[in-house]
Amino acid sequence: MISDPLELKVVAVVTRELSVPPGSINLLSTSDDVDRWDSLGHLQICMALEAEFGVSPGLEEVGQINSVPAIIEYLRGMGI
């Protein structure tokens, strides 16, 4: 069970943006594991990160945040 608020929010954002059933996304999920996490899904996640957390990943970061752990690490690196 996830107890960290940031981790909970990231999982919720990814779940919502990919339109997958609750419980489908976890702390280890990657774009390779989730069929709906394609290029369009990835763009939706990146836009949602901006809306939810006020961060706008640059081109380099967009290519690197292709998993839930990478998104969490990126956000923590941004001081969130």
C-alpha atoms as a PDB file:
ATOM      1  CA  MET A   1       0.000   0.000   0.000  1.00  0.00           C
ATOM      2  CA  ILE A   2       1.265   3.436  -0.940  1.00  0.00           C
ATOM      3  CA  SER A   3       1.413   5.948   1.908  1.00  0.00           C
ATOM      4  CA  ASP A   4       3.602   8.746   0.508  1.00  0.00           C
ATOM      5  CA  PRO A   5       1.350  11.587  -0.735  1.00  0.00           C
ATOM      6  CA  LEU A   6       3.513  12.362  -3.780  1.00  0.00           C
ATOM      7  CA  GLU A   7       3.624   8.714  -4.818  1.00  0.00           C
ATOM      8  CA  LEU A   8      -0.157   8.426  -4.395  1.00  0.00           C
ATOM      9  CA  LYS A   9      -0.748  11.509  -6.525  1.00  0.00           C
ATOM     10  CA  VAL A  10       1.630  10.381  -9.298  1.00  0.00           C
ATOM     11  CA  VAL A  11      -0.024   6.959  -9.490  1.00  0.00           C
ATOM     12  CA  ALA A  12      -3.445   8.650  -9.583  1.00  0.00           C
ATOM     13  CA  VAL A  13      -2.371  11.069 -12.340  1.00  0.00           C
ATOM     14  CA  VAL A  14      -0.897   8.311 -14.505  1.00  0.00           C
ATOM     15  CA  THR A  15      -3.957   6.114 -13.946  1.00  0.00           C
ATOM     16  CA  ARG A  16      -6.304   8.943 -14.889  1.00  0.00           C
ATOM     17  CA  GLU A  17      -4.361  10.139 -17.926  1.00  0.00           C
ATOM     18  CA  LEU A  18      -3.993   6.653 -19.368  1.00  0.00           C
ATOM     19  CA  SER A  19      -7.633   5.816 -18.636  1.00  0.00           C
ATOM     20  CA  VAL A  20      -6.754   2.506 -17.026  1.00  0.00           C
ATOM     21  CA  PRO A  21      -8.608   0.804 -14.172  1.00  0.00           C
ATOM     22  CA  PRO A  22      -7.604   1.709 -10.611  1.00  0.00           C
ATOM     23  CA  GLY A  23      -4.882  -0.636  -9.415  1.00  0.00           C
ATOM     24  CA  SER A  24      -3.420  -1.024 -12.909  1.00  0.00           C
ATOM     25  CA  ILE A  25      -0.620   1.448 -12.179  1.00  0.00           C
ATOM     26  CA  ASN A  26       1.793   0.946  -9.296  1.00  0.00           C
ATOM     27  CA  LEU A  27       5.122   2.318  -8.091  1.00  0.00           C
ATOM     28  CA  LEU A  28       7.026   0.109 -10.540  1.00  0.00           C
ATOM     29  CA  SER A  29       4.957   0.774 -13.677  1.00  0.00           C
ATOM     30  CA  THR A  30       6.810   1.809 -16.831  1.00  0.00           C
ATOM     31  CA  SER A  31       5.820   2.717 -20.355  1.00  0.00           C
ATOM     32  CA  ASP A  32       7.005  -0.750 -21.392  1.00  0.00           C
ATOM     33  CA  ASP A  33       4.558  -2.414 -18.986  1.00  0.00           C
ATOM     34  CA  VAL A  34       1.399  -0.461 -19.780  1.00  0.00           C
ATOM     35  CA  ASP A  35      -0.125  -0.812 -23.250  1.00  0.00           C
ATOM     36  CA  ARG A  36      -1.868   2.564 -23.110  1.00  0.00           C
ATOM     37  CA  TRP A  37       1.392   4.346 -22.176  1.00  0.00           C
ATOM     38  CA  ASP A  38       2.214   5.123 -25.787  1.00  0.00           C
ATOM     39  CA  SER A  39       3.453   8.454 -27.193  1.00  0.00           C
ATOM     40  CA  LEU A  40       0.032  10.086 -26.866  1.00  0.00           C
ATOM     41  CA  GLY A  41      -0.412   8.755 -23.336  1.00  0.00           C
ATOM     42  CA  HIS A  42       3.051  10.018 -22.450  1.00  0.00           C
ATOM     43  CA  LEU A  43       2.202  13.492 -23.742  1.00  0.00           C
ATOM     44  CA  GLN A  44      -1.005  13.479 -21.691  1.00  0.00           C
ATOM     45  CA  ILE A  45       0.965  12.504 -18.575  1.00  0.00           C
ATOM     46  CA  CYS A  46       3.496  15.300 -19.164  1.00  0.00           C
ATOM     47  CA  MET A  47       0.719  17.879 -19.604  1.00  0.00           C
ATOM     48  CA  ALA A  48      -0.990  16.602 -16.464  1.00  0.00           C
ATOM     49  CA  LEU A  49       2.263  16.955 -14.502  1.00  0.00           C
ATOM     50  CA  GLU A  50       2.326  20.614 -15.490  1.00  0.00           C
ATOM     51  CA  ALA A  51      -1.297  21.105 -14.434  1.00  0.00           C
ATOM     52  CA  GLU A  52      -1.033  19.125 -11.184  1.00  0.00           C
ATOM     53  CA  PHE A  53       2.422  20.109  -9.991  1.00  0.00           C
ATOM     54  CA  GLY A  54       3.260  23.317 -11.867  1.00  0.00           C
ATOM     55  CA  VAL A  55       6.302  21.824 -13.580  1.00  0.00           C
ATOM     56  CA  SER A  56       7.014  21.783 -17.281  1.00  0.00           C
ATOM     57  CA  PRO A  57       9.475  19.044 -18.225  1.00  0.00           C
ATOM     58  CA  GLY A  58      11.932  20.018 -20.944  1.00  0.00           C
ATOM     59  CA  LEU A  59      12.627  17.823 -23.959  1.00  0.00           C
ATOM     60  CA  GLU A  60      15.362  15.889 -22.185  1.00  0.00           C
ATOM     61  CA  GLU A  61      13.215  15.260 -19.118  1.00  0.00           C
ATOM     62  CA  VAL A  62      10.214  14.209 -21.209  1.00  0.00           C
ATOM     63  CA  GLY A  63      12.288  11.399 -22.669  1.00  0.00           C
ATOM     64  CA  GLN A  64      13.507  10.318 -19.248  1.00  0.00           C
ATOM     65  CA  ILE A  65      10.271  10.265 -17.257  1.00  0.00           C
ATOM     66  CA  ASN A  66       8.900   7.088 -18.820  1.00  0.00           C
ATOM     67  CA  SER A  67       8.077   5.297 -15.573  1.00  0.00           C
ATOM     68  CA  VAL A  68       6.357   6.044 -12.297  1.00  0.00           C
ATOM     69  CA  PRO A  69       9.688   5.906 -10.394  1.00  0.00           C
ATOM     70  CA  ALA A  70      11.283   8.315 -12.899  1.00  0.00           C
ATOM     71  CA  ILE A  71       8.364  10.746 -12.599  1.00  0.00           C
ATOM     72  CA  ILE A  72       8.612  10.681  -8.800  1.00  0.00           C
ATOM     73  CA  GLU A  73      12.380  11.202  -8.937  1.00  0.00           C
ATOM     74  CA  TYR A  74      11.948  14.101 -11.380  1.00  0.00           C
ATOM     75  CA  LEU A  75       9.321  15.770  -9.195  1.00  0.00           C
ATOM     76  CA  ARG A  76      11.400  15.348  -6.039  1.00  0.00           C
ATOM     77  CA  GLY A  77      14.358  16.832  -7.907  1.00  0.00           C
ATOM     78  CA  MET A  78      12.153  19.835  -8.665  1.00  0.00           C
ATOM     79  CA  GLY A  79      11.509  20.257  -4.945  1.00  0.00           C
ATOM     80  CA  ILE A  80       8.009  18.795  -4.880  1.00  0.00           C
END
